[in-house]
């Protein structure tokens, strides 16, 4: 079955390529890329019996992401990402896998999105993205449609968002029920512009999809509804507001009744029992943009019982205030991006203590001159629960700072580029047992030098990295040296390159681990849009006293054919 699917896939792609080459049909055009990859991997070990292979022994991948344009109004974007792997790394194998099982398996991703004027359909794996409080990050395998004639908006999506997985305690597989999502929205405006829509999303697990009932996984069902308003005033002001309500049942097998008339009123829409709950959330943002300055703010409230049906995870019972700005100075040569926010949780006293966090970050890039530029950033994250009692006190502060200058200059025969990076990170946390702050720190320094020859197509790149991590338990120091040499041959159609990577790793109380890695890469530019690539990597790991007398060796060959349209 897999062989037939691969054959029809290649046949389909061949027809598309042929259609694009037909000069008597200039209205048919294909843009995008198609890549074929084949990897071979093996390893050997000495005195390290628990070593796990880092890659599959042989791996085939086909990646196609392109758009077929037929005439002025019909376009067919499609994506094909398939592999010969029997399963994802963390999922069990599926016995007797048929064609539908194969293409719907999460390890593969096959989708077609035909669009004609104001109508677009979605076939295969896709992600409905309606709004921040309805649906936006769950992939489904199924179908969908978007209609936007004039100012009328209608969307509908339906599919499987989770495959059934039997529980297996021996391999630590929790298990999961098959899950399906149905989503719809209706309103007026433009899908990609100003609009008012009402979004409805429902999610439900199939309690009959498993042969045995898992111990930890519970079947769920939920529904959420949210009116959304997005408005653009002129060219500079953007306003968005959304209020959502949800009713969610966290265990469909719960046999007890709920004592809540409001939630119980939804019993004709979803199953209601003692595990059901309902709540609401709200988010509003306002942003002003100009060529040199952007100012914006956001307020967000998520109720403790709110569960958006179209998102996997969301932090609940919080109130956020955020302010952000972007400033461009000196004719755009200096850009400043900054954000400051405060998050408070436990607003409804759903836990013993409330907490407050401060989140801020700033990034500055400046092109000082034609030769010199720098980028610097700072981020702060604070968390505390405002309790003085040591046993209940929670307080932590994380700070990170980085500075990256770059200097370029030319001589008669060479182009030089020197780059450096310094990164500092500290994490302080209050220890309730000792009543003192425990500090963890890390710092890294790197230096990069790139030498480009003008008279010959030779390029040499060297990088040196030093990383030190300090914790109350142990210290960690790593030094890494990398050199890469590349050259272009035969009118720059062939580019061989060779890399050498030397690393030493020192854990406190142990002798050093040493790692040597070499990589040979060969690129052949067959024509302007077709490239062949060969890569061979050898890794040798010699362990110190962390694993006495242990040695591992890895070999990996990668073959690729890359086609652009």
Protein backbone atom coordinates (compact mmCIF):
# COMPACT_ATOMS: atom_id res chain seq x y z
CA UNK A 1 0.00 0.00 0.00
CA UNK A 2 2.82 2.40 0.88
CA UNK A 3 4.56 1.55 -2.41
CA UNK A 4 1.41 2.38 -4.38
CA UNK A 5 1.00 5.65 -2.51
CA UNK A 6 4.59 6.64 -3.28
CA UNK A 7 4.08 5.66 -6.95
CA UNK A 8 0.93 7.77 -7.32
CA UNK A 9 2.62 10.64 -5.49
CA UNK A 10 5.54 10.61 -7.92
CA UNK A 11 3.10 10.29 -10.84
CA UNK A 12 1.10 13.29 -9.59
CA UNK A 13 4.21 15.40 -9.18
CA UNK A 14 5.46 14.36 -12.63
CA UNK A 15 2.21 15.53 -14.22
CA UNK A 16 2.54 18.87 -12.45
CA UNK A 17 6.12 19.33 -13.63
CA UNK A 18 5.08 18.40 -17.18
CA UNK A 19 2.15 20.81 -17.07
CA UNK A 20 4.46 23.61 -16.04
CA UNK A 21 6.83 22.90 -18.94
CA UNK A 22 4.11 23.08 -21.59
CA UNK A 23 4.85 26.40 -23.28
CA UNK A 24 1.57 26.36 -25.17
CA UNK A 25 -0.17 26.68 -21.80
CA UNK A 26 1.42 29.77 -20.26
CA UNK A 27 -1.48 30.19 -17.83
CA UNK A 28 -0.39 27.10 -15.89
CA UNK A 29 2.44 27.77 -13.47
CA UNK A 30 4.02 25.83 -10.63
CA UNK A 31 5.97 27.52 -7.85
CA UNK A 32 7.51 25.99 -4.76
CA UNK A 33 9.89 23.14 -4.06
CA UNK A 34 10.09 19.35 -4.04
CA UNK A 35 12.81 17.57 -2.08
CA UNK A 36 13.82 13.92 -1.87
CA UNK A 37 15.99 12.76 1.03
CA UNK A 38 17.51 9.40 1.92
CA UNK A 39 19.57 8.87 5.10
CA UNK A 40 21.67 5.91 6.24
CA UNK A 41 22.86 5.62 9.83
CA UNK A 42 24.80 3.14 11.92
CA UNK A 43 26.76 3.16 15.16
CA UNK A 44 29.04 1.06 17.32
CA UNK A 45 29.70 1.20 21.07
CA UNK A 46 32.17 -0.08 23.62
CA UNK A 47 31.28 -0.31 27.31
CA UNK A 48 28.05 1.61 26.70
CA UNK A 49 25.30 -1.03 26.30
CA UNK A 50 22.45 1.44 27.00
CA UNK A 51 23.40 3.78 24.14
CA UNK A 52 20.37 4.54 21.94
CA UNK A 53 20.59 5.20 18.22
CA UNK A 54 19.99 8.88 17.53
CA UNK A 55 18.54 8.33 14.03
CA UNK A 56 16.68 5.59 12.12
CA UNK A 57 18.86 3.04 10.34
CA UNK A 58 17.48 4.13 6.98
CA UNK A 59 15.10 6.99 6.38
CA UNK A 60 13.35 8.16 3.22
CA UNK A 61 11.56 11.52 3.11
CA UNK A 62 9.59 13.26 0.39
CA UNK A 63 8.77 16.93 0.98
CA UNK A 64 6.74 18.89 -1.53
CA UNK A 65 5.37 22.34 -0.81
CA UNK A 66 4.17 24.15 -3.89
CA UNK A 67 1.32 26.01 -5.54
CA UNK A 68 -0.18 25.17 -8.92
CA UNK A 69 -1.60 28.33 -10.50
CA UNK A 70 -4.13 27.78 -13.29
CA UNK A 71 -5.25 31.00 -14.89
CA UNK A 72 -5.81 34.13 -12.86
CA UNK A 73 -8.18 32.90 -10.16
CA UNK A 74 -7.54 29.18 -9.56
CA UNK A 75 -4.64 28.18 -7.33
CA UNK A 76 -3.92 24.81 -5.72
CA UNK A 77 -1.44 24.98 -2.85
CA UNK A 78 -0.42 21.50 -1.71
CA UNK A 79 1.96 19.91 0.74
CA UNK A 80 3.25 16.34 0.75
CA UNK A 81 5.55 15.26 3.55
CA UNK A 82 5.84 11.48 3.82
CA UNK A 83 8.39 9.03 5.16
CA UNK A 84 9.06 5.31 5.26
CA UNK A 85 9.13 5.27 9.07
CA UNK A 86 6.64 2.83 10.53
CA UNK A 87 5.68 5.28 13.27
CA UNK A 88 6.61 8.45 15.05
CA UNK A 89 9.30 8.06 17.71
CA UNK A 90 6.88 8.13 20.63
CA UNK A 91 3.87 6.33 19.15
CA UNK A 92 3.22 2.59 18.84
CA UNK A 93 3.01 0.88 15.46
CA UNK A 94 -0.37 0.49 13.79
CA UNK A 95 -1.09 -3.10 12.68
CA UNK A 96 -2.36 -3.70 9.13
CA UNK A 97 -2.07 -0.03 8.20
CA UNK A 98 -4.24 0.80 5.18
CA UNK A 99 -4.00 3.78 2.83
CA UNK A 100 -6.12 6.09 5.01
CA UNK A 101 -4.17 5.07 8.13
CA UNK A 102 -0.90 5.78 6.34
CA UNK A 103 -1.69 9.27 5.08
CA UNK A 104 -3.48 10.26 8.30
CA UNK A 105 -0.62 9.11 10.52
CA UNK A 106 0.94 12.14 12.29
CA UNK A 107 4.36 11.14 10.94
CA UNK A 108 3.09 12.17 7.49
CA UNK A 109 1.51 15.40 6.36
CA UNK A 110 -0.50 15.50 3.15
CA UNK A 111 -2.74 18.43 2.33
CA UNK A 112 -4.35 20.17 -0.64
CA UNK A 113 -5.89 23.65 -0.44
CA UNK A 114 -7.60 24.54 -3.76
CA UNK A 115 -8.73 28.16 -4.00
CA UNK A 116 -10.92 29.83 -6.61
CA UNK A 117 -11.67 33.51 -6.06
CA UNK A 118 -13.54 33.67 -2.74
CA UNK A 119 -13.79 29.94 -2.01
CA UNK A 120 -11.05 27.73 -0.59
CA UNK A 121 -11.16 24.13 0.56
CA UNK A 122 -8.80 22.19 2.80
CA UNK A 123 -8.24 18.47 2.26
CA UNK A 124 -5.97 16.33 4.44
CA UNK A 125 -3.90 17.59 7.35
CA UNK A 126 -4.56 21.23 8.19
CA UNK A 127 -4.92 23.57 11.17
CA UNK A 128 -8.09 25.65 11.55
CA UNK A 129 -7.02 29.06 12.85
CA UNK A 130 -10.00 31.20 13.80
CA UNK A 131 -8.95 33.22 16.82
CA UNK A 132 -6.94 33.28 20.05
CA UNK A 133 -9.73 31.88 22.22
CA UNK A 134 -11.40 29.39 19.84
CA UNK A 135 -9.04 27.27 17.71
CA UNK A 136 -5.58 27.71 16.30
CA UNK A 137 -2.95 25.10 17.18
CA UNK A 138 -4.49 21.64 16.69
CA UNK A 139 -3.76 19.76 13.46
CA UNK A 140 -6.68 17.75 12.13
CA UNK A 141 -6.90 15.21 9.33
CA UNK A 142 -10.12 15.85 7.47
CA UNK A 143 -11.69 18.58 5.41
CA UNK A 144 -12.63 22.21 5.57
CA UNK A 145 -13.91 25.14 3.57
CA UNK A 146 -13.61 28.94 3.72
CA UNK A 147 -16.15 31.16 1.94
CA UNK A 148 -15.69 34.93 1.65
CA UNK A 149 -17.95 36.27 -1.15
CA UNK A 150 -18.11 40.03 -0.81
CA UNK A 151 -18.19 40.65 2.93
CA UNK A 152 -19.84 37.39 3.96
CA UNK A 153 -17.61 34.97 5.95
CA UNK A 154 -18.28 31.29 6.53
CA UNK A 155 -15.84 28.54 7.51
CA UNK A 156 -16.31 24.89 8.41
CA UNK A 157 -13.75 22.26 9.43
CA UNK A 158 -14.11 18.66 10.53
CA UNK A 159 -11.58 15.92 11.16
CA UNK A 160 -9.60 13.68 13.47
CA UNK A 161 -7.32 15.58 15.83
CA UNK A 162 -5.97 12.59 17.73
CA UNK A 163 -5.57 8.93 16.85
CA UNK A 164 -6.53 6.16 19.24
CA UNK A 165 -3.52 4.73 21.09
CA UNK A 166 -3.83 1.69 23.34
CA UNK A 167 -2.29 1.94 26.79
CA UNK A 168 0.97 0.02 27.29
CA UNK A 169 2.43 0.26 30.78
CA UNK A 170 5.50 -1.77 29.79
CA UNK A 171 6.61 0.96 27.37
CA UNK A 172 5.18 3.81 29.47
CA UNK A 173 2.49 4.65 26.89
CA UNK A 174 -0.43 6.34 28.66
CA UNK A 175 -2.88 5.79 25.83
CA UNK A 176 -5.32 8.17 24.15
CA UNK A 177 -8.84 8.08 22.78
CA UNK A 178 -9.58 8.97 19.18
CA UNK A 179 -10.58 12.61 19.11
CA UNK A 180 -12.52 14.62 16.55
CA UNK A 181 -13.06 18.34 16.11
CA UNK A 182 -15.84 20.22 14.37
CA UNK A 183 -15.44 23.98 13.96
CA UNK A 184 -17.43 26.69 12.23
CA UNK A 185 -17.55 30.47 12.01
CA UNK A 186 -19.91 32.94 10.41
CA UNK A 187 -19.76 36.70 10.09
CA UNK A 188 -18.97 39.58 7.77
CA UNK A 189 -15.83 41.38 6.62
CA UNK A 190 -12.63 39.89 5.20
CA UNK A 191 -10.97 36.78 6.59
CA UNK A 192 -7.55 38.44 6.35
CA UNK A 193 -8.76 41.91 7.36
CA UNK A 194 -11.39 43.72 9.41
CA UNK A 195 -14.21 41.40 10.42
CA UNK A 196 -16.84 40.34 12.90
CA UNK A 197 -17.30 36.60 13.33
CA UNK A 198 -18.92 34.15 15.72
CA UNK A 199 -16.71 31.09 16.23
CA UNK A 200 -17.99 27.72 17.43
CA UNK A 201 -15.70 24.77 18.14
CA UNK A 202 -16.57 21.34 19.52
CA UNK A 203 -14.20 18.56 20.49
CA UNK A 204 -15.07 15.00 21.54
CA UNK A 205 -13.26 11.77 22.36
CA UNK A 206 -14.65 8.45 21.12
CA UNK A 207 -15.07 6.29 24.24
CA UNK A 208 -15.36 3.17 22.01
CA UNK A 209 -12.09 3.75 20.14
CA UNK A 210 -9.98 1.70 22.59
CA UNK A 211 -10.13 -1.99 23.44
CA UNK A 212 -9.35 -1.33 27.10
CA UNK A 213 -9.94 1.68 29.34
CA UNK A 214 -6.69 3.53 30.18
CA UNK A 215 -5.89 4.22 33.82
CA UNK A 216 -4.80 7.84 33.43
CA UNK A 217 -6.31 9.06 30.15
CA UNK A 218 -9.90 10.28 30.49
CA UNK A 219 -12.27 10.83 27.53
CA UNK A 220 -13.28 14.48 27.14
CA UNK A 221 -15.88 16.59 25.38
CA UNK A 222 -16.10 20.35 25.15
CA UNK A 223 -17.55 23.26 23.25
CA UNK A 224 -16.56 26.92 23.05
CA UNK A 225 -18.22 29.95 21.47
CA UNK A 226 -16.60 33.33 20.88
CA UNK A 227 -17.62 36.55 19.09
CA UNK A 228 -14.54 38.19 17.54
CA UNK A 229 -14.10 41.76 16.31
CA UNK A 230 -11.03 42.89 14.36
CA UNK A 231 -10.99 46.43 13.00
CA UNK A 232 -8.40 48.44 11.13
CA UNK A 233 -8.90 52.20 11.39
CA UNK A 234 -7.14 53.79 8.46
CA UNK A 235 -3.60 52.57 7.93
CA UNK A 236 -2.26 52.91 11.47
CA UNK A 237 -4.71 51.73 14.14
CA UNK A 238 -5.58 48.08 14.75
CA UNK A 239 -8.16 46.96 17.33
CA UNK A 240 -9.14 43.42 18.32
CA UNK A 241 -11.48 42.11 20.99
CA UNK A 242 -12.85 38.63 21.70
CA UNK A 243 -14.99 37.18 24.47
CA UNK A 244 -15.39 33.42 24.74
CA UNK A 245 -17.45 31.00 26.81
CA UNK A 246 -16.83 27.28 27.15
CA UNK A 247 -18.42 24.20 28.66
CA UNK A 248 -16.06 21.28 29.15
CA UNK A 249 -16.47 17.73 30.47
CA UNK A 250 -13.14 16.28 31.60
CA UNK A 251 -14.36 12.68 32.05
CA UNK A 252 -17.18 11.29 29.91
CA UNK A 253 -17.20 8.12 32.02
CA UNK A 254 -18.07 10.00 35.21
CA UNK A 255 -21.45 8.70 36.44
CA UNK A 256 -22.33 11.50 38.88
CA UNK A 257 -24.63 14.47 38.21
CA UNK A 258 -23.62 18.11 38.41
CA UNK A 259 -25.23 20.63 40.72
CA UNK A 260 -25.04 23.63 38.39
CA UNK A 261 -28.13 24.69 36.46
CA UNK A 262 -26.22 26.87 33.97
CA UNK A 263 -23.78 24.14 32.96
CA UNK A 264 -26.55 21.52 33.03
CA UNK A 265 -28.51 23.55 30.47
CA UNK A 266 -25.96 22.45 27.83
CA UNK A 267 -26.84 18.76 28.25
CA UNK A 268 -28.54 18.65 24.85
CA UNK A 269 -25.29 19.81 23.17
CA UNK A 270 -22.62 17.85 25.05
CA UNK A 271 -22.61 15.23 27.79
CA UNK A 272 -22.82 16.86 31.22
CA UNK A 273 -21.79 15.21 34.49
CA UNK A 274 -19.98 16.04 37.74
CA UNK A 275 -16.71 16.62 35.84
CA UNK A 276 -18.26 19.36 33.68
CA UNK A 277 -17.51 23.04 34.15
CA UNK A 278 -18.15 26.31 32.37
CA UNK A 279 -16.43 29.69 32.31
CA UNK A 280 -15.52 32.65 30.11
CA UNK A 281 -12.43 34.55 28.91
CA UNK A 282 -11.68 37.84 27.23
CA UNK A 283 -8.83 39.47 25.31
CA UNK A 284 -8.58 42.97 23.83
CA UNK A 285 -5.66 44.69 22.12
CA UNK A 286 -5.01 48.06 20.52
CA UNK A 287 -2.03 48.89 18.32
CA UNK A 288 -0.87 52.01 16.52
CA UNK A 289 1.68 51.63 13.73
CA UNK A 290 3.73 54.08 11.74
CA UNK A 291 6.94 53.79 9.76
CA UNK A 292 9.10 54.75 12.74
CA UNK A 293 7.03 53.98 15.82
CA UNK A 294 4.65 51.26 17.00
CA UNK A 295 2.74 51.35 20.29
CA UNK A 296 0.44 48.63 21.53
CA UNK A 297 -1.26 47.20 24.57
CA UNK A 298 -3.20 44.08 25.50
CA UNK A 299 -5.48 42.96 28.32
CA UNK A 300 -6.28 39.28 28.73
CA UNK A 301 -8.41 37.40 31.25
CA UNK A 302 -8.70 33.60 31.29
CA UNK A 303 -11.24 32.14 33.71
CA UNK A 304 -10.25 29.18 35.92
CA UNK A 305 -12.79 26.88 34.28
CA UNK A 306 -12.32 28.04 30.70
CA UNK A 307 -11.12 25.44 28.17
CA UNK A 308 -10.84 26.51 24.50
CA UNK A 309 -11.87 23.49 22.45
CA UNK A 310 -9.37 24.24 19.68
CA UNK A 311 -6.19 24.54 21.77
CA UNK A 312 -4.24 21.83 23.57
CA UNK A 313 -3.07 23.82 26.57
CA UNK A 314 -3.73 27.23 28.07
CA UNK A 315 -2.86 28.76 31.44
CA UNK A 316 -6.05 29.54 33.35
CA UNK A 317 -7.24 31.90 36.07
CA UNK A 318 -4.94 34.73 34.96
CA UNK A 319 -5.09 38.44 34.21
CA UNK A 320 -2.46 39.90 31.85
CA UNK A 321 -1.48 43.49 31.13
CA UNK A 322 1.05 43.96 28.34
CA UNK A 323 2.62 46.96 26.66
CA UNK A 324 4.90 46.77 23.62
CA UNK A 325 6.64 49.22 21.35
CA UNK A 326 8.88 49.32 18.29
CA UNK A 327 11.07 52.31 17.49
CA UNK A 328 13.12 52.93 14.34
CA UNK A 329 15.83 55.58 14.60
CA UNK A 330 18.52 57.11 12.39
CA UNK A 331 16.81 56.36 9.08
CA UNK A 332 15.99 52.81 10.11
CA UNK A 333 19.56 51.89 11.05
CA UNK A 334 18.61 51.36 14.70
CA UNK A 335 15.59 49.27 15.70
CA UNK A 336 14.30 48.89 19.26
CA UNK A 337 11.67 46.30 20.20
CA UNK A 338 10.41 46.19 23.78
CA UNK A 339 7.65 44.54 25.80
CA UNK A 340 6.60 44.79 29.44
CA UNK A 341 3.89 42.76 31.09
CA UNK A 342 2.41 41.77 34.44
CA UNK A 343 0.53 38.50 34.95
CA UNK A 344 -1.55 37.79 38.06
CA UNK A 345 -3.20 34.45 38.70
CA UNK A 346 -5.54 32.81 41.22
CA UNK A 347 -8.05 35.62 40.76
CA UNK A 348 -10.91 33.35 41.81
CA UNK A 349 -9.03 31.76 44.73
CA UNK A 350 -8.92 28.37 43.05
CA UNK A 351 -5.59 27.60 44.72
CA UNK A 352 -4.15 28.34 48.14
CA UNK A 353 -2.03 31.30 47.07
CA UNK A 354 -1.99 33.92 44.33
CA UNK A 355 1.08 34.73 42.26
CA UNK A 356 2.35 37.67 40.27
CA UNK A 357 4.87 37.61 37.44
CA UNK A 358 6.76 40.30 35.62
CA UNK A 359 7.70 39.64 32.01
CA UNK A 360 9.82 42.07 30.05
CA UNK A 361 12.22 41.99 27.14
CA UNK A 362 14.03 44.45 24.91
CA UNK A 363 16.02 43.96 21.73
CA UNK A 364 18.21 46.58 20.05
CA UNK A 365 19.84 46.28 16.64
CA UNK A 366 22.00 49.06 15.27
CA UNK A 367 23.96 49.41 12.05
CA UNK A 368 26.60 51.84 13.37
CA UNK A 369 28.47 52.04 10.08
CA UNK A 370 28.85 50.13 6.86
CA UNK A 371 31.32 47.83 8.61
CA UNK A 372 30.09 47.61 12.19
CA UNK A 373 26.76 46.51 13.69
CA UNK A 374 25.59 45.06 16.96
CA UNK A 375 22.58 43.32 18.42
CA UNK A 376 21.77 43.19 22.12
CA UNK A 377 18.84 41.80 24.06
CA UNK A 378 17.64 41.55 27.64
CA UNK A 379 14.81 39.47 29.07
CA UNK A 380 13.41 39.27 32.58
CA UNK A 381 10.90 36.88 34.06
CA UNK A 382 9.80 37.21 37.68
CA UNK A 383 7.41 35.07 39.73
CA UNK A 384 6.26 35.40 43.34
CA UNK A 385 3.20 34.65 45.46
CA UNK A 386 3.54 37.52 47.96
CA UNK A 387 3.79 35.19 50.96
CA UNK A 388 6.31 35.77 53.75
CA UNK A 389 5.89 32.31 55.32
CA UNK A 390 8.95 30.34 54.14
CA UNK A 391 7.18 27.00 53.64
CA UNK A 392 4.58 28.59 51.34
CA UNK A 393 6.80 31.21 49.74
CA UNK A 394 7.45 30.97 46.01
CA UNK A 395 9.83 33.45 44.47
CA UNK A 396 12.07 33.22 41.44
CA UNK A 397 13.77 35.61 39.04
CA UNK A 398 15.29 34.82 35.65
CA UNK A 399 17.48 37.31 33.80
CA UNK A 400 19.22 36.87 30.47
CA UNK A 401 21.43 39.26 28.53
CA UNK A 402 23.23 38.87 25.21
CA UNK A 403 25.48 41.07 23.09
CA UNK A 404 26.49 40.28 19.50
CA UNK A 405 28.76 42.72 17.63
CA UNK A 406 29.77 42.13 13.99
CA UNK A 407 32.59 43.80 12.06
CA UNK A 408 33.19 43.51 8.31
CA UNK A 409 36.10 44.84 6.29
CA UNK A 410 37.72 44.29 2.90
CA UNK A 411 41.33 44.07 1.79
CA UNK A 412 42.74 43.72 -1.68
CA UNK A 413 42.33 39.94 -1.80
CA UNK A 414 39.93 39.08 1.00
CA UNK A 415 36.57 39.82 2.58
CA UNK A 416 36.66 39.52 6.37
CA UNK A 417 33.83 39.16 8.86
CA UNK A 418 34.35 38.91 12.61
CA UNK A 419 31.46 38.16 14.91
CA UNK A 420 31.28 37.67 18.64
CA UNK A 421 28.58 36.74 21.10
CA UNK A 422 28.36 36.92 24.87
CA UNK A 423 25.37 35.47 26.68
CA UNK A 424 24.65 35.61 30.41
CA UNK A 425 21.76 33.92 32.17
CA UNK A 426 20.91 33.78 35.86
CA UNK A 427 18.11 32.01 37.67
CA UNK A 428 17.51 32.71 41.37
CA UNK A 429 14.94 30.67 43.28
CA UNK A 430 13.92 30.82 46.93
CA UNK A 431 14.63 27.52 48.70
CA UNK A 432 11.93 26.83 51.30
CA UNK A 433 14.11 24.34 53.22
CA UNK A 434 17.11 26.65 53.73
CA UNK A 435 15.22 29.98 53.54
CA UNK A 436 17.84 31.40 51.16
CA UNK A 437 18.02 32.09 47.43
CA UNK A 438 19.69 29.42 45.30
CA UNK A 439 21.43 30.77 42.22
CA UNK A 440 22.06 29.01 38.91
CA UNK A 441 24.17 30.80 36.35
CA UNK A 442 25.33 30.17 32.82
CA UNK A 443 27.54 32.18 30.53
CA UNK A 444 28.82 31.56 27.04
CA UNK A 445 31.28 33.29 24.75
CA UNK A 446 31.73 32.65 21.07
CA UNK A 447 33.98 34.09 18.39
CA UNK A 448 33.38 33.61 14.68
CA UNK A 449 35.71 34.51 11.82
CA UNK A 450 34.82 34.17 8.15
CA UNK A 451 37.42 34.63 5.40
CA UNK A 452 36.26 34.90 1.78
CA UNK A 453 38.86 34.92 -1.00
CA UNK A 454 38.16 37.35 -3.84
CA UNK A 455 40.37 35.82 -6.52
CA UNK A 456 39.44 32.19 -5.91
CA UNK A 457 36.10 30.71 -4.75
CA UNK A 458 37.42 29.63 -1.36
CA UNK A 459 35.72 30.28 1.96
CA UNK A 460 37.06 29.49 5.44
CA UNK A 461 34.96 29.79 8.59
CA UNK A 462 36.15 29.26 12.16
CA UNK A 463 34.18 29.36 15.40
CA UNK A 464 35.23 28.99 19.02
CA UNK A 465 32.67 28.51 21.80
CA UNK A 466 33.02 28.32 25.56
CA UNK A 467 30.04 27.53 27.78
CA UNK A 468 29.98 27.36 31.57
CA UNK A 469 26.97 26.40 33.64
CA UNK A 470 27.01 26.68 37.43
CA UNK A 471 24.38 25.13 39.71
CA UNK A 472 24.37 24.33 43.44
CA UNK A 473 24.72 20.64 42.53
CA UNK A 474 27.51 20.70 39.94
CA UNK A 475 29.32 22.76 37.32
CA UNK A 476 29.48 22.07 33.61
CA UNK A 477 32.08 23.45 31.15
CA UNK A 478 32.14 22.87 27.39
CA UNK A 479 34.66 24.10 24.85
CA UNK A 480 33.89 23.69 21.17
CA UNK A 481 36.00 24.43 18.08
CA UNK A 482 34.62 24.27 14.52
CA UNK A 483 36.35 24.93 11.19
CA UNK A 484 34.66 24.68 7.80
CA UNK A 485 36.37 25.01 4.42
CA UNK A 486 34.38 25.21 1.17
CA UNK A 487 35.40 25.66 -2.46
CA UNK A 488 33.49 26.13 -5.72
CA UNK A 489 34.45 24.20 -8.86
CA UNK A 490 33.34 23.95 -12.50
CA UNK A 491 31.88 27.41 -12.90
CA UNK A 492 30.62 27.29 -9.28
CA UNK A 493 28.32 24.35 -10.01
CA UNK A 494 30.12 22.03 -7.60
CA UNK A 495 30.74 23.02 -3.97
CA UNK A 496 32.62 20.57 -1.74
CA UNK A 497 33.09 21.45 1.92
CA UNK A 498 34.82 19.87 4.90
CA UNK A 499 34.09 20.55 8.58
CA UNK A 500 35.97 19.58 11.72
CA UNK A 501 34.37 19.84 15.16
CA UNK A 502 36.36 19.28 18.37
CA UNK A 503 34.67 19.46 21.75
CA UNK A 504 35.58 18.79 25.36
CA UNK A 505 32.99 18.51 28.12
CA UNK A 506 33.91 18.72 31.79
CA UNK A 507 31.45 17.80 34.53
CA UNK A 508 32.41 18.65 38.09
CA UNK A 509 34.03 15.66 39.79
CA UNK A 510 34.69 13.79 36.53
CA UNK A 511 37.38 13.77 33.88
CA UNK A 512 36.65 15.28 30.45
CA UNK A 513 34.52 13.78 27.72
CA UNK A 514 35.95 14.34 24.24
CA UNK A 515 34.06 14.46 20.98
CA UNK A 516 35.37 14.60 17.42
CA UNK A 517 33.07 15.15 14.47
CA UNK A 518 33.91 15.49 10.78
CA UNK A 519 31.56 16.21 7.93
CA UNK A 520 32.11 16.14 4.18
CA UNK A 521 29.41 17.80 2.07
CA UNK A 522 29.13 17.89 -1.70
CA UNK A 523 26.64 20.15 -3.54
CA UNK A 524 26.12 19.83 -7.28
CA UNK A 525 24.04 22.51 -8.99
CA UNK A 526 22.58 20.60 -11.95
CA UNK A 527 20.79 23.71 -13.20
CA UNK A 528 19.33 26.89 -11.73
CA UNK A 529 16.48 25.03 -10.04
CA UNK A 530 17.82 21.53 -9.43
CA UNK A 531 20.49 20.58 -6.89
CA UNK A 532 21.99 17.31 -5.68
CA UNK A 533 23.56 17.06 -2.22
CA UNK A 534 25.71 14.40 -0.59
CA UNK A 535 26.76 14.52 3.06
CA UNK A 536 28.80 12.17 5.22
CA UNK A 537 29.30 12.70 8.96
CA UNK A 538 31.48 10.73 11.36
CA UNK A 539 31.21 11.21 15.14
CA UNK A 540 33.51 9.75 17.77
CA UNK A 541 32.71 10.14 21.48
CA UNK A 542 35.32 9.25 24.09
CA UNK A 543 33.93 9.39 27.61
CA UNK A 544 35.83 10.26 30.76
CA UNK A 545 35.05 8.98 34.23
CA UNK A 546 31.33 9.67 33.69
CA UNK A 547 31.35 6.38 31.71
CA UNK A 548 34.74 4.70 32.22
CA UNK A 549 36.29 3.25 29.03
CA UNK A 550 33.13 3.99 27.02
CA UNK A 551 33.40 4.79 23.32
CA UNK A 552 30.77 5.38 20.63
CA UNK A 553 31.14 5.90 16.89
CA UNK A 554 28.45 7.08 14.49
CA UNK A 555 28.27 7.19 10.69
CA UNK A 556 25.57 9.02 8.79
CA UNK A 557 25.15 9.42 5.02
CA UNK A 558 22.55 11.80 3.60
CA UNK A 559 21.50 12.02 -0.06
CA UNK A 560 19.21 14.80 -1.26
CA UNK A 561 17.67 15.98 -4.51
CA UNK A 562 16.28 19.52 -4.27
CA UNK A 563 14.01 20.98 -6.95
CA UNK A 564 12.67 24.54 -7.06
CA UNK A 565 9.98 25.86 -9.38
